[in-house]
Amino acid sequence: MTQKVLFLDLETCTACRACMVACSAAKEKVFSLNKTRIWVPKKESICLGVPIICEQCDPAPCMVVCPMKAISRQQKTGAPVVDREKCIACKECVWACPFGAINVQKGVAVKCDLCDGKPACAEVCMPGAIRYLDLERPYMQKKWKSLERRVEALSALFSRGS
């Protein structure tokens, strides 16, 4: 089976947050911007929204630092997933994630698990900014460029001077 990745095109994203609502509905069975595994922080003054998604790192820092070994790689999708029974909500994974894509809700770490191979965020993204694609070289080159732009945009979004 070909490995797939969640691809984000920052230039196409409108920061509508439909992905957040879809994630919340799929994972928590509620429509909430607070109970989601994808975040789109916005800075209205400069019309900027930058989605924060789990990059499914390999090796995954969240997996490496977990003292309870509560994060393991799902065989079907290759996504690091949290075992709710093992997680002690110590937040080591939160601090280790270079993308800020993990948080703790109700005493357990939560992160994107790729919805078992059918990411809800990608299914609802009308402009096509979030897509679930086969891992191929052309996509990866564009993914890295998009990731570099997201880091720059996030820096602008959270900088003190703006």
N, C-alpha and C. Protein backbone atom coordinates (compact mmCIF):
# COMPACT_ATOMS: atom_id res chain seq x y z
N MET A 1 0.83 -1.18 0.00
CA MET A 1 0.00 0.00 0.00
C MET A 1 0.88 1.25 0.00
N THR A 2 0.54 2.22 -0.83
CA THR A 2 1.27 3.47 -0.92
C THR A 2 1.00 4.30 0.33
N GLN A 3 2.05 4.88 0.90
CA GLN A 3 1.87 5.75 2.05
C GLN A 3 1.26 7.06 1.60
N LYS A 4 0.35 7.58 2.41
CA LYS A 4 -0.29 8.84 2.09
C LYS A 4 0.05 9.88 3.15
N VAL A 5 -0.03 11.14 2.76
CA VAL A 5 0.25 12.25 3.68
C VAL A 5 -0.89 13.26 3.59
N LEU A 6 -1.06 13.98 4.68
CA LEU A 6 -1.99 15.10 4.70
C LEU A 6 -1.22 16.30 4.17
N PHE A 7 -1.65 16.79 3.03
CA PHE A 7 -0.96 17.88 2.35
C PHE A 7 -1.73 19.17 2.57
N LEU A 8 -1.03 20.23 2.94
CA LEU A 8 -1.66 21.53 3.14
C LEU A 8 -1.02 22.55 2.22
N ASP A 9 -1.85 23.20 1.42
CA ASP A 9 -1.38 24.26 0.53
C ASP A 9 -1.80 25.59 1.14
N LEU A 10 -0.88 26.27 1.76
CA LEU A 10 -1.16 27.52 2.46
C LEU A 10 -1.70 28.59 1.51
N GLU A 11 -1.25 28.58 0.28
CA GLU A 11 -1.72 29.59 -0.67
C GLU A 11 -3.18 29.42 -1.03
N THR A 12 -3.72 28.22 -0.86
CA THR A 12 -5.10 27.94 -1.20
C THR A 12 -6.03 28.08 0.00
N CYS A 13 -5.50 27.95 1.20
CA CYS A 13 -6.31 27.99 2.42
C CYS A 13 -6.95 29.36 2.62
N THR A 14 -8.25 29.36 2.89
CA THR A 14 -8.99 30.59 3.14
C THR A 14 -9.22 30.83 4.63
N ALA A 15 -8.74 29.94 5.48
CA ALA A 15 -8.90 30.03 6.93
C ALA A 15 -10.37 30.05 7.34
N CYS A 16 -11.20 29.30 6.62
CA CYS A 16 -12.64 29.26 6.91
C CYS A 16 -12.96 28.44 8.16
N ARG A 17 -12.04 27.58 8.54
CA ARG A 17 -12.14 26.71 9.73
C ARG A 17 -13.16 25.58 9.59
N ALA A 18 -13.61 25.31 8.38
CA ALA A 18 -14.50 24.16 8.16
C ALA A 18 -13.79 22.87 8.55
N CYS A 19 -12.49 22.82 8.36
CA CYS A 19 -11.70 21.64 8.71
C CYS A 19 -11.77 21.38 10.22
N MET A 20 -11.76 22.45 11.01
CA MET A 20 -11.83 22.32 12.46
C MET A 20 -13.18 21.74 12.89
N VAL A 21 -14.25 22.24 12.29
CA VAL A 21 -15.59 21.76 12.62
C VAL A 21 -15.75 20.30 12.20
N ALA A 22 -15.25 19.96 11.02
CA ALA A 22 -15.35 18.57 10.54
C ALA A 22 -14.58 17.63 11.44
N CYS A 23 -13.39 18.05 11.88
CA CYS A 23 -12.58 17.24 12.78
C CYS A 23 -13.31 17.02 14.10
N SER A 24 -13.85 18.09 14.65
CA SER A 24 -14.57 18.01 15.91
C SER A 24 -15.77 17.06 15.79
N ALA A 25 -16.51 17.16 14.70
CA ALA A 25 -17.66 16.29 14.50
C ALA A 25 -17.23 14.83 14.36
N ALA A 26 -16.16 14.60 13.60
CA ALA A 26 -15.70 13.22 13.37
C ALA A 26 -15.12 12.58 14.63
N LYS A 27 -14.36 13.35 15.40
CA LYS A 27 -13.64 12.77 16.54
C LYS A 27 -14.37 12.91 17.87
N GLU A 28 -15.12 14.00 18.05
CA GLU A 28 -15.77 14.27 19.34
C GLU A 28 -17.29 14.23 19.28
N LYS A 29 -17.83 14.10 18.08
CA LYS A 29 -19.29 14.08 17.86
C LYS A 29 -19.98 15.37 18.29
N VAL A 30 -19.25 16.49 18.21
CA VAL A 30 -19.80 17.82 18.47
C VAL A 30 -19.24 18.77 17.42
N PHE A 31 -19.94 19.87 17.20
CA PHE A 31 -19.45 20.90 16.29
C PHE A 31 -18.83 22.00 17.14
N SER A 32 -17.52 21.95 17.31
CA SER A 32 -16.85 22.88 18.21
C SER A 32 -15.48 23.25 17.66
N LEU A 33 -15.14 24.52 17.76
CA LEU A 33 -13.80 24.96 17.37
C LEU A 33 -12.79 24.69 18.48
N ASN A 34 -13.26 24.29 19.65
CA ASN A 34 -12.38 24.02 20.79
C ASN A 34 -12.02 22.56 20.96
N LYS A 35 -12.76 21.66 20.30
CA LYS A 35 -12.52 20.23 20.44
C LYS A 35 -12.13 19.66 19.09
N THR A 36 -10.93 19.94 18.68
CA THR A 36 -10.48 19.57 17.35
C THR A 36 -9.00 19.19 17.38
N ARG A 37 -8.54 18.54 16.35
CA ARG A 37 -7.13 18.13 16.26
C ARG A 37 -6.39 18.92 15.19
N ILE A 38 -7.07 19.89 14.61
CA ILE A 38 -6.46 20.81 13.65
C ILE A 38 -6.86 22.22 14.10
N TRP A 39 -5.92 23.15 14.03
CA TRP A 39 -6.20 24.50 14.49
C TRP A 39 -5.86 25.49 13.39
N VAL A 40 -6.66 26.54 13.32
CA VAL A 40 -6.40 27.60 12.35
C VAL A 40 -6.41 28.93 13.12
N PRO A 41 -5.29 29.27 13.75
CA PRO A 41 -5.24 30.57 14.42
C PRO A 41 -5.27 31.68 13.38
N LYS A 42 -5.98 32.76 13.72
CA LYS A 42 -6.13 33.87 12.78
C LYS A 42 -5.65 35.18 13.40
N LYS A 43 -5.14 36.03 12.55
CA LYS A 43 -4.84 37.41 12.94
C LYS A 43 -5.60 38.28 11.95
N GLU A 44 -6.77 38.72 12.39
CA GLU A 44 -7.67 39.45 11.50
C GLU A 44 -7.04 40.73 10.96
N SER A 45 -6.21 41.40 11.78
CA SER A 45 -5.64 42.69 11.37
C SER A 45 -4.79 42.61 10.11
N ILE A 46 -4.24 41.42 9.84
CA ILE A 46 -3.45 41.25 8.62
C ILE A 46 -4.04 40.17 7.70
N CYS A 47 -5.30 39.79 7.99
CA CYS A 47 -6.02 38.80 7.17
C CYS A 47 -5.20 37.53 6.98
N LEU A 48 -4.73 36.98 8.08
CA LEU A 48 -3.89 35.79 8.00
C LEU A 48 -4.41 34.69 8.92
N GLY A 49 -4.55 33.51 8.38
CA GLY A 49 -4.88 32.32 9.14
C GLY A 49 -3.94 31.22 8.70
N VAL A 50 -3.37 30.50 9.65
CA VAL A 50 -2.39 29.48 9.31
C VAL A 50 -2.77 28.16 9.98
N PRO A 51 -3.22 27.17 9.20
CA PRO A 51 -3.58 25.88 9.79
C PRO A 51 -2.38 25.20 10.45
N ILE A 52 -2.65 24.61 11.59
CA ILE A 52 -1.64 23.83 12.30
C ILE A 52 -2.13 22.39 12.30
N ILE A 53 -1.37 21.54 11.59
CA ILE A 53 -1.75 20.13 11.49
C ILE A 53 -0.58 19.26 11.91
N CYS A 54 -0.89 18.06 12.34
CA CYS A 54 0.15 17.09 12.66
C CYS A 54 0.83 16.68 11.36
N GLU A 55 2.13 16.74 11.35
CA GLU A 55 2.90 16.38 10.16
C GLU A 55 3.24 14.89 10.12
N GLN A 56 2.77 14.12 11.11
CA GLN A 56 3.00 12.67 11.17
C GLN A 56 4.48 12.36 11.01
N CYS A 57 5.29 13.06 11.78
CA CYS A 57 6.75 12.98 11.70
C CYS A 57 7.28 11.54 11.80
N ASP A 58 8.42 11.31 11.18
CA ASP A 58 9.10 10.03 11.29
C ASP A 58 10.61 10.29 11.30
N PRO A 59 11.24 10.19 12.45
CA PRO A 59 10.70 9.76 13.74
C PRO A 59 9.85 10.86 14.36
N ALA A 60 8.86 10.45 15.13
CA ALA A 60 7.92 11.39 15.75
C ALA A 60 8.41 11.77 17.14
N PRO A 61 8.74 13.06 17.35
CA PRO A 61 9.19 13.49 18.67
C PRO A 61 8.19 13.15 19.78
N CYS A 62 6.90 13.23 19.48
CA CYS A 62 5.88 12.91 20.49
C CYS A 62 6.01 11.46 20.96
N MET A 63 6.28 10.57 20.03
CA MET A 63 6.45 9.16 20.35
C MET A 63 7.72 8.93 21.17
N VAL A 64 8.78 9.59 20.77
CA VAL A 64 10.09 9.40 21.40
C VAL A 64 10.06 9.81 22.87
N VAL A 65 9.40 10.93 23.19
CA VAL A 65 9.45 11.44 24.56
C VAL A 65 8.41 10.85 25.50
N CYS A 66 7.41 10.17 25.00
CA CYS A 66 6.34 9.67 25.86
C CYS A 66 6.88 8.66 26.87
N PRO A 67 6.81 8.99 28.16
CA PRO A 67 7.35 8.08 29.18
C PRO A 67 6.53 6.80 29.35
N MET A 68 5.28 6.82 28.91
CA MET A 68 4.41 5.65 29.06
C MET A 68 4.32 4.82 27.77
N LYS A 69 5.02 5.25 26.73
CA LYS A 69 4.94 4.59 25.42
C LYS A 69 3.48 4.51 24.97
N ALA A 70 2.75 5.60 25.21
CA ALA A 70 1.33 5.66 24.88
C ALA A 70 1.09 6.06 23.42
N ILE A 71 2.14 6.42 22.71
CA ILE A 71 1.99 6.80 21.30
C ILE A 71 2.72 5.78 20.45
N SER A 72 1.99 5.19 19.53
CA SER A 72 2.58 4.21 18.63
C SER A 72 2.08 4.48 17.21
N ARG A 73 2.77 3.93 16.25
CA ARG A 73 2.42 4.18 14.85
C ARG A 73 1.34 3.20 14.41
N GLN A 74 0.24 3.76 13.89
CA GLN A 74 -0.86 2.96 13.38
C GLN A 74 -0.41 2.26 12.09
N GLN A 75 -0.65 0.99 12.00
CA GLN A 75 -0.18 0.23 10.85
C GLN A 75 -0.86 0.65 9.55
N LYS A 76 -2.14 0.89 9.57
CA LYS A 76 -2.87 1.20 8.34
C LYS A 76 -2.43 2.52 7.70
N THR A 77 -2.30 3.57 8.51
CA THR A 77 -2.02 4.90 7.96
C THR A 77 -0.60 5.37 8.22
N GLY A 78 0.08 4.77 9.18
CA GLY A 78 1.41 5.22 9.56
C GLY A 78 1.40 6.39 10.52
N ALA A 79 0.22 6.83 10.94
CA ALA A 79 0.09 7.96 11.85
C ALA A 79 0.42 7.55 13.28
N PRO A 80 1.17 8.38 14.00
CA PRO A 80 1.34 8.14 15.44
C PRO A 80 -0.01 8.38 16.12
N VAL A 81 -0.45 7.42 16.91
CA VAL A 81 -1.74 7.54 17.61
C VAL A 81 -1.55 7.36 19.11
N VAL A 82 -2.42 8.00 19.86
CA VAL A 82 -2.35 7.97 21.33
C VAL A 82 -3.25 6.87 21.87
N ASP A 83 -2.69 6.04 22.73
CA ASP A 83 -3.47 5.02 23.44
C ASP A 83 -4.03 5.68 24.69
N ARG A 84 -5.33 5.92 24.69
CA ARG A 84 -6.00 6.63 25.79
C ARG A 84 -5.81 5.94 27.14
N GLU A 85 -5.66 4.63 27.12
CA GLU A 85 -5.51 3.87 28.36
C GLU A 85 -4.13 4.07 28.98
N LYS A 86 -3.12 4.27 28.16
CA LYS A 86 -1.75 4.43 28.65
C LYS A 86 -1.38 5.88 28.96
N CYS A 87 -2.04 6.82 28.30
CA CYS A 87 -1.68 8.24 28.43
C CYS A 87 -1.96 8.75 29.85
N ILE A 88 -0.97 9.45 30.42
CA ILE A 88 -1.13 10.03 31.76
C ILE A 88 -1.22 11.56 31.70
N ALA A 89 -1.36 12.11 30.51
CA ALA A 89 -1.52 13.56 30.30
C ALA A 89 -0.36 14.36 30.89
N CYS A 90 0.85 13.85 30.76
CA CYS A 90 2.03 14.54 31.31
C CYS A 90 2.46 15.72 30.45
N LYS A 91 1.98 15.79 29.22
CA LYS A 91 2.26 16.86 28.25
C LYS A 91 3.67 16.83 27.66
N GLU A 92 4.41 15.79 27.88
CA GLU A 92 5.73 15.69 27.24
C GLU A 92 5.60 15.75 25.72
N CYS A 93 4.59 15.08 25.18
CA CYS A 93 4.37 15.08 23.73
C CYS A 93 3.99 16.48 23.24
N VAL A 94 3.21 17.19 24.02
CA VAL A 94 2.81 18.55 23.66
C VAL A 94 4.04 19.43 23.51
N TRP A 95 4.93 19.35 24.48
CA TRP A 95 6.14 20.18 24.46
C TRP A 95 7.12 19.74 23.36
N ALA A 96 7.11 18.45 23.03
CA ALA A 96 8.05 17.94 22.03
C ALA A 96 7.61 18.21 20.59
N CYS A 97 6.32 18.41 20.38
CA CYS A 97 5.82 18.59 19.01
C CYS A 97 6.29 19.92 18.44
N PRO A 98 7.08 19.88 17.36
CA PRO A 98 7.59 21.13 16.78
C PRO A 98 6.52 21.95 16.07
N PHE A 99 5.34 21.37 15.86
CA PHE A 99 4.28 22.06 15.13
C PHE A 99 3.14 22.53 16.02
N GLY A 100 3.17 22.16 17.30
CA GLY A 100 2.09 22.55 18.19
C GLY A 100 0.80 21.85 17.86
N ALA A 101 0.90 20.61 17.36
CA ALA A 101 -0.27 19.90 16.86
C ALA A 101 -0.85 18.89 17.85
N ILE A 102 -0.42 18.93 19.10
CA ILE A 102 -0.96 18.03 20.13
C ILE A 102 -1.43 18.90 21.28
N ASN A 103 -2.56 18.52 21.87
CA ASN A 103 -2.98 19.16 23.11
C ASN A 103 -3.59 18.11 24.02
N VAL A 104 -3.91 18.52 25.22
CA VAL A 104 -4.52 17.60 26.19
C VAL A 104 -5.96 18.04 26.41
N GLN A 105 -6.87 17.09 26.25
CA GLN A 105 -8.29 17.33 26.48
C GLN A 105 -8.81 16.23 27.39
N LYS A 106 -9.51 16.61 28.43
CA LYS A 106 -10.10 15.65 29.36
C LYS A 106 -9.09 14.62 29.85
N GLY A 107 -7.88 15.08 30.18
CA GLY A 107 -6.87 14.22 30.77
C GLY A 107 -6.19 13.24 29.83
N VAL A 108 -6.25 13.51 28.53
CA VAL A 108 -5.56 12.64 27.58
C VAL A 108 -5.05 13.48 26.40
N ALA A 109 -3.88 13.12 25.90
CA ALA A 109 -3.32 13.81 24.74
C ALA A 109 -4.15 13.46 23.51
N VAL A 110 -4.41 14.47 22.68
CA VAL A 110 -5.14 14.24 21.43
C VAL A 110 -4.34 14.84 20.28
N LYS A 111 -4.35 14.14 19.16
CA LYS A 111 -3.66 14.58 17.96
C LYS A 111 -4.32 13.93 16.76
N CYS A 112 -4.01 14.41 15.61
CA CYS A 112 -4.57 13.85 14.38
C CYS A 112 -4.12 12.40 14.21
N ASP A 113 -5.08 11.55 13.89
CA ASP A 113 -4.76 10.15 13.60
C ASP A 113 -5.14 9.79 12.16
N LEU A 114 -5.36 10.83 11.35
CA LEU A 114 -5.73 10.69 9.94
C LEU A 114 -7.09 10.01 9.74
N CYS A 115 -7.92 10.00 10.78
CA CYS A 115 -9.29 9.46 10.69
C CYS A 115 -9.32 8.08 10.03
N ASP A 116 -8.37 7.24 10.39
CA ASP A 116 -8.30 5.88 9.87
C ASP A 116 -8.22 5.84 8.34
N GLY A 117 -7.56 6.86 7.77
CA GLY A 117 -7.34 6.88 6.32
C GLY A 117 -8.36 7.68 5.53
N LYS A 118 -9.32 8.34 6.22
CA LYS A 118 -10.30 9.20 5.54
C LYS A 118 -10.39 10.50 6.33
N PRO A 119 -9.36 11.35 6.27
CA PRO A 119 -9.36 12.58 7.07
C PRO A 119 -10.56 13.49 6.78
N ALA A 120 -11.35 13.73 7.82
CA ALA A 120 -12.55 14.56 7.69
C ALA A 120 -12.19 15.97 7.22
N CYS A 121 -11.06 16.49 7.68
CA CYS A 121 -10.65 17.85 7.30
C CYS A 121 -10.45 17.95 5.79
N ALA A 122 -9.84 16.94 5.20
CA ALA A 122 -9.59 16.95 3.75
C ALA A 122 -10.88 16.78 2.96
N GLU A 123 -11.82 16.02 3.52
CA GLU A 123 -13.07 15.79 2.81
C GLU A 123 -13.94 17.03 2.71
N VAL A 124 -13.83 17.95 3.69
CA VAL A 124 -14.69 19.14 3.67
C VAL A 124 -13.99 20.38 3.13
N CYS A 125 -12.72 20.32 2.88
CA CYS A 125 -11.98 21.51 2.46
C CYS A 125 -12.38 21.91 1.03
N MET A 126 -13.25 22.90 0.93
CA MET A 126 -13.78 23.33 -0.37
C MET A 126 -12.71 23.86 -1.31
N PRO A 127 -11.77 24.69 -0.84
CA PRO A 127 -10.76 25.17 -1.79
C PRO A 127 -9.70 24.13 -2.14
N GLY A 128 -9.71 22.98 -1.44
CA GLY A 128 -8.72 21.93 -1.71
C GLY A 128 -7.37 22.21 -1.09
N ALA A 129 -7.34 23.04 -0.06
CA ALA A 129 -6.08 23.36 0.61
C ALA A 129 -5.55 22.18 1.41
N ILE A 130 -6.47 21.35 1.92
CA ILE A 130 -6.06 20.14 2.66
C ILE A 130 -6.46 18.95 1.81
N ARG A 131 -5.45 18.14 1.48
CA ARG A 131 -5.69 16.94 0.67
C ARG A 131 -4.92 15.78 1.26
N TYR A 132 -5.45 14.59 1.07
CA TYR A 132 -4.79 13.37 1.53
C TYR A 132 -4.26 12.68 0.29
N LEU A 133 -2.93 12.76 0.10
CA LEU A 133 -2.31 12.35 -1.16
C LEU A 133 -1.29 11.24 -0.99
N ASP A 134 -1.08 10.50 -2.08
CA ASP A 134 -0.01 9.51 -2.10
C ASP A 134 1.32 10.23 -1.94
N LEU A 135 2.20 9.63 -1.20
CA LEU A 135 3.52 10.21 -0.96
C LEU A 135 4.38 10.02 -2.20
N GLU A 136 4.55 11.11 -2.93
CA GLU A 136 5.37 11.08 -4.14
C GLU A 136 6.26 12.31 -4.13
N ARG A 137 7.37 12.24 -4.82
CA ARG A 137 8.34 13.33 -4.83
C ARG A 137 7.77 14.70 -5.19
N PRO A 138 6.97 14.85 -6.27
CA PRO A 138 6.47 16.20 -6.60
C PRO A 138 5.66 16.81 -5.46
N TYR A 139 4.84 16.01 -4.82
CA TYR A 139 4.04 16.50 -3.71
C TYR A 139 4.93 16.91 -2.54
N MET A 140 5.95 16.11 -2.27
CA MET A 140 6.78 16.40 -1.11
C MET A 140 7.57 17.69 -1.29
N GLN A 141 8.04 17.97 -2.49
CA GLN A 141 8.76 19.21 -2.71
C GLN A 141 7.83 20.40 -2.45
N LYS A 142 6.59 20.32 -2.93
CA LYS A 142 5.62 21.38 -2.70
C LYS A 142 5.22 21.43 -1.22
N LYS A 143 5.13 20.26 -0.57
CA LYS A 143 4.78 20.21 0.85
C LYS A 143 5.84 20.94 1.68
N TRP A 144 7.12 20.72 1.39
CA TRP A 144 8.18 21.39 2.14
C TRP A 144 8.14 22.89 1.92
N LYS A 145 7.88 23.32 0.69
CA LYS A 145 7.77 24.76 0.43
C LYS A 145 6.59 25.35 1.20
N SER A 146 5.48 24.64 1.21
CA SER A 146 4.31 25.10 1.95
C SER A 146 4.61 25.15 3.45
N LEU A 147 5.33 24.16 3.94
CA LEU A 147 5.68 24.12 5.35
C LEU A 147 6.58 25.30 5.71
N GLU A 148 7.53 25.62 4.85
CA GLU A 148 8.39 26.78 5.10
C GLU A 148 7.56 28.07 5.15
N ARG A 149 6.58 28.20 4.25
CA ARG A 149 5.72 29.38 4.25
C ARG A 149 4.87 29.43 5.51
N ARG A 150 4.40 28.26 5.99
CA ARG A 150 3.61 28.23 7.23
C ARG A 150 4.44 28.68 8.42
N VAL A 151 5.69 28.24 8.49
CA VAL A 151 6.56 28.65 9.59
C VAL A 151 6.75 30.17 9.56
N GLU A 152 6.98 30.73 8.38
CA GLU A 152 7.12 32.18 8.25
C GLU A 152 5.82 32.88 8.64
N ALA A 153 4.69 32.36 8.17
CA ALA A 153 3.40 32.98 8.48
C ALA A 153 3.07 32.88 9.96
N LEU A 154 3.37 31.73 10.56
CA LEU A 154 3.13 31.59 12.00
C LEU A 154 4.01 32.55 12.79
N SER A 155 5.23 32.75 12.35
CA SER A 155 6.11 33.71 13.01
C SER A 155 5.50 35.10 12.97
N ALA A 156 4.95 35.47 11.81
CA ALA A 156 4.30 36.78 11.68
C ALA A 156 3.04 36.85 12.53
N LEU A 157 2.30 35.75 12.56
CA LEU A 157 1.04 35.70 13.31
C LEU A 157 1.26 35.89 14.80
N PHE A 158 2.33 35.30 15.31
CA PHE A 158 2.54 35.33 16.75
C PHE A 158 3.64 36.31 17.19
N SER A 159 4.17 37.08 16.25
CA SER A 159 5.23 38.01 16.63
C SER A 159 4.66 39.13 17.49
N ARG A 160 5.48 39.63 18.34
CA ARG A 160 5.05 40.67 19.30
C ARG A 160 4.77 42.00 18.62
N GLY A 161 5.49 42.29 17.56
CA GLY A 161 5.37 43.59 16.92
C GLY A 161 4.11 43.80 16.10
N SER A 162 3.37 42.75 15.79
CA SER A 162 2.21 42.90 14.90
C SER A 162 0.95 43.18 15.67
